[in-house]
Amino acid sequence: RVTSNGSRFAMIESNRAKSNEDRMRHLKFKHERATEIHEQLCANVRRTMQNKAIHLKLSQERHRHRLEMANRAQAFKVQEAEERLARQQAAAEKIQAEREKTAKQREDVRRRI
């Protein structure tokens, strides 16, 4: 009876040790899996942040380009308007010179008569 109790105790201890080992193995596996998932999440977050930074940079670049184009178009319009004004002034001066010449000729004709 003592031996059977002893061997029974040894068996219980062996089972307890085995289940502890199983639990430890299981916990270790869960920990490794959790670590993997955490690393994947961190990598995803890093990738997302990089993509956001790239997207932001691109949209800033597009905005800057749009502003540049708008400025060029505005400068072109201003230049065209200045050229048109210069032509109009030249035409007005020419007409004025013609009028003065015609008036002078009339005056000369009147004097002769």
C-alpha atoms as a PDB file:
ATOM      1  CA  ARG A   1       0.000   0.000   0.000  1.00  0.00           C
ATOM      2  CA  VAL A   2       2.791   2.442   0.873  1.00  0.00           C
ATOM      3  CA  THR A   3       4.521   1.730  -2.432  1.00  0.00           C
ATOM      4  CA  SER A   4       1.300   2.187  -4.376  1.00  0.00           C
ATOM      5  CA  ASN A   5       0.744   5.502  -2.527  1.00  0.00           C
ATOM      6  CA  GLY A   6       4.288   6.490  -3.257  1.00  0.00           C
ATOM      7  CA  SER A   7       4.021   5.583  -6.906  1.00  0.00           C
ATOM      8  CA  ARG A   8       0.600   7.265  -7.008  1.00  0.00           C
ATOM      9  CA  PHE A   9       2.124  10.416  -5.514  1.00  0.00           C
ATOM     10  CA  ALA A  10       4.971  10.207  -8.015  1.00  0.00           C
ATOM     11  CA  MET A  11       2.443   9.844 -10.819  1.00  0.00           C
ATOM     12  CA  ILE A  12       0.435  12.831  -9.559  1.00  0.00           C
ATOM     13  CA  GLU A  13       3.636  14.888  -9.313  1.00  0.00           C
ATOM     14  CA  SER A  14       4.681  13.739 -12.783  1.00  0.00           C
ATOM     15  CA  ASN A  15       1.272  14.729 -14.201  1.00  0.00           C
ATOM     16  CA  ARG A  16       1.402  18.081 -12.411  1.00  0.00           C
ATOM     17  CA  ALA A  17       4.901  18.726 -13.751  1.00  0.00           C
ATOM     18  CA  LYS A  18       3.778  17.687 -17.246  1.00  0.00           C
ATOM     19  CA  SER A  19       0.708  19.944 -17.175  1.00  0.00           C
ATOM     20  CA  ASN A  20       2.909  22.810 -15.887  1.00  0.00           C
ATOM     21  CA  GLU A  21       5.298  22.216 -18.777  1.00  0.00           C
ATOM     22  CA  ASP A  22       2.340  22.142 -21.184  1.00  0.00           C
ATOM     23  CA  ARG A  23       0.997  25.370 -19.711  1.00  0.00           C
ATOM     24  CA  MET A  24       4.429  27.002 -19.947  1.00  0.00           C
ATOM     25  CA  ARG A  25       4.838  25.802 -23.551  1.00  0.00           C
ATOM     26  CA  HIS A  26       1.376  27.139 -24.384  1.00  0.00           C
ATOM     27  CA  LEU A  27       2.100  30.502 -22.712  1.00  0.00           C
ATOM     28  CA  LYS A  28       5.439  30.733 -24.510  1.00  0.00           C
ATOM     29  CA  PHE A  29       3.673  30.032 -27.836  1.00  0.00           C
ATOM     30  CA  LYS A  30       0.984  32.649 -27.075  1.00  0.00           C
ATOM     31  CA  HIS A  31       3.689  35.157 -26.152  1.00  0.00           C
ATOM     32  CA  GLU A  32       5.601  34.496 -29.401  1.00  0.00           C
ATOM     33  CA  ARG A  33       2.382  34.834 -31.415  1.00  0.00           C
ATOM     34  CA  ALA A  34       1.501  38.079 -29.625  1.00  0.00           C
ATOM     35  CA  THR A  35       5.018  39.391 -30.321  1.00  0.00           C
ATOM     36  CA  GLU A  36       4.681  38.532 -34.036  1.00  0.00           C
ATOM     37  CA  ILE A  37       1.298  40.256 -34.255  1.00  0.00           C
ATOM     38  CA  HIS A  38       2.669  43.306 -32.415  1.00  0.00           C
ATOM     39  CA  GLU A  39       5.623  43.522 -34.815  1.00  0.00           C
ATOM     40  CA  GLN A  40       3.274  43.244 -37.814  1.00  0.00           C
ATOM     41  CA  LEU A  41       1.072  46.007 -36.410  1.00  0.00           C
ATOM     42  CA  CYS A  42       4.119  48.221 -35.824  1.00  0.00           C
ATOM     43  CA  ALA A  43       5.294  47.577 -39.393  1.00  0.00           C
ATOM     44  CA  ASN A  44       1.798  48.434 -40.688  1.00  0.00           C
ATOM     45  CA  VAL A  45       1.737  51.652 -38.665  1.00  0.00           C
ATOM     46  CA  ARG A  46       5.199  52.613 -39.960  1.00  0.00           C
ATOM     47  CA  ARG A  47       4.125  51.879 -43.551  1.00  0.00           C
ATOM     48  CA  THR A  48       0.909  53.869 -43.092  1.00  0.00           C
ATOM     49  CA  MET A  49       2.845  56.834 -41.679  1.00  0.00           C
ATOM     50  CA  GLN A  50       5.319  56.709 -44.571  1.00  0.00           C
ATOM     51  CA  ASN A  51       2.443  56.558 -47.075  1.00  0.00           C
ATOM     52  CA  LYS A  52       0.724  59.495 -45.385  1.00  0.00           C
ATOM     53  CA  ALA A  53       3.965  61.487 -45.457  1.00  0.00           C
ATOM     54  CA  ILE A  54       4.438  60.680 -49.157  1.00  0.00           C
ATOM     55  CA  HIS A  55       0.813  61.563 -49.902  1.00  0.00           C
ATOM     56  CA  LEU A  56       1.135  64.853 -48.019  1.00  0.00           C
ATOM     57  CA  LYS A  57       4.362  65.716 -49.847  1.00  0.00           C
ATOM     58  CA  LEU A  58       2.749  64.925 -53.225  1.00  0.00           C
ATOM     59  CA  SER A  59      -0.350  66.997 -52.491  1.00  0.00           C
ATOM     60  CA  GLN A  60       1.848  69.913 -51.351  1.00  0.00           C
ATOM     61  CA  GLU A  61       3.858  69.551 -54.562  1.00  0.00           C
ATOM     62  CA  ARG A  62       0.649  69.541 -56.658  1.00  0.00           C
ATOM     63  CA  HIS A  63      -0.642  72.605 -54.798  1.00  0.00           C
ATOM     64  CA  ARG A  64       2.653  74.457 -55.302  1.00  0.00           C
ATOM     65  CA  HIS A  65       2.614  73.533 -59.004  1.00  0.00           C
ATOM     66  CA  ARG A  66      -0.997  74.760 -59.361  1.00  0.00           C
ATOM     67  CA  LEU A  67      -0.089  78.077 -57.722  1.00  0.00           C
ATOM     68  CA  GLU A  68       2.950  78.419 -59.970  1.00  0.00           C
ATOM     69  CA  MET A  69       0.811  77.807 -63.077  1.00  0.00           C
ATOM     70  CA  ALA A  70      -1.820  80.297 -61.893  1.00  0.00           C
ATOM     71  CA  ASN A  71       0.924  82.889 -61.307  1.00  0.00           C
ATOM     72  CA  ARG A  72       2.366  82.297 -64.774  1.00  0.00           C
ATOM     73  CA  ALA A  73      -1.071  82.623 -66.373  1.00  0.00           C
ATOM     74  CA  GLN A  74      -1.667  85.846 -64.420  1.00  0.00           C
ATOM     75  CA  ALA A  75       1.728  87.250 -65.439  1.00  0.00           C
ATOM     76  CA  PHE A  76       0.964  86.378 -69.071  1.00  0.00           C
ATOM     77  CA  LYS A  77      -2.405  88.171 -68.886  1.00  0.00           C
ATOM     78  CA  VAL A  78      -0.760  91.229 -67.338  1.00  0.00           C
ATOM     79  CA  GLN A  79       1.900  91.273 -70.072  1.00  0.00           C
ATOM     80  CA  GLU A  80      -0.768  90.974 -72.790  1.00  0.00           C
ATOM     81  CA  ALA A  81      -2.769  93.813 -71.227  1.00  0.00           C
ATOM     82  CA  GLU A  82       0.351  96.020 -71.048  1.00  0.00           C
ATOM     83  CA  GLU A  83       1.169  95.308 -74.706  1.00  0.00           C
ATOM     84  CA  ARG A  84      -2.437  96.036 -75.739  1.00  0.00           C
ATOM     85  CA  LEU A  85      -2.340  99.327 -73.803  1.00  0.00           C
ATOM     86  CA  ALA A  86       0.977 100.278 -75.432  1.00  0.00           C
ATOM     87  CA  ARG A  87      -0.501  99.582 -78.913  1.00  0.00           C
ATOM     88  CA  GLN A  88      -3.602 101.608 -78.086  1.00  0.00           C
ATOM     89  CA  GLN A  89      -1.478 104.518 -76.844  1.00  0.00           C
ATOM     90  CA  ALA A  90       0.694 104.374 -79.967  1.00  0.00           C
ATOM     91  CA  ALA A  91      -2.444 104.340 -82.152  1.00  0.00           C
ATOM     92  CA  ALA A  92      -3.932 107.261 -80.194  1.00  0.00           C
ATOM     93  CA  GLU A  93      -0.696 109.250 -80.559  1.00  0.00           C
ATOM     94  CA  LYS A  94      -0.617 108.497 -84.287  1.00  0.00           C
ATOM     95  CA  ILE A  95      -4.238 109.656 -84.691  1.00  0.00           C
ATOM     96  CA  GLN A  96      -3.465 112.800 -82.676  1.00  0.00           C
ATOM     97  CA  ALA A  97      -0.426 113.502 -84.871  1.00  0.00           C
ATOM     98  CA  GLU A  98      -2.598 113.000 -87.995  1.00  0.00           C
ATOM     99  CA  ARG A  99      -5.215 115.434 -86.633  1.00  0.00           C
ATOM    100  CA  GLU A 100      -2.592 118.037 -85.802  1.00  0.00           C
ATOM    101  CA  LYS A 101      -1.059 117.637 -89.266  1.00  0.00           C
ATOM    102  CA  THR A 102      -4.486 117.980 -90.917  1.00  0.00           C
ATOM    103  CA  ALA A 103      -5.316 121.031 -88.768  1.00  0.00           C
ATOM    104  CA  LYS A 104      -1.980 122.633 -89.692  1.00  0.00           C
ATOM    105  CA  GLN A 105      -2.591 121.963 -93.385  1.00  0.00           C
ATOM    106  CA  ARG A 106      -6.082 123.576 -93.112  1.00  0.00           C
ATOM    107  CA  GLU A 107      -4.540 126.551 -91.367  1.00  0.00           C
ATOM    108  CA  ASP A 108      -1.909 126.861 -94.132  1.00  0.00           C
ATOM    109  CA  VAL A 109      -4.622 126.663 -96.805  1.00  0.00           C
ATOM    110  CA  ARG A 110      -6.694 129.333 -94.971  1.00  0.00           C
ATOM    111  CA  ARG A 111      -3.645 131.614 -94.757  1.00  0.00           C
ATOM    112  CA  ARG A 112      -2.979 131.302 -98.473  1.00  0.00           C
ATOM    113  CA  ILE A 113      -6.553 132.211 -99.247  1.00  0.00           C
END
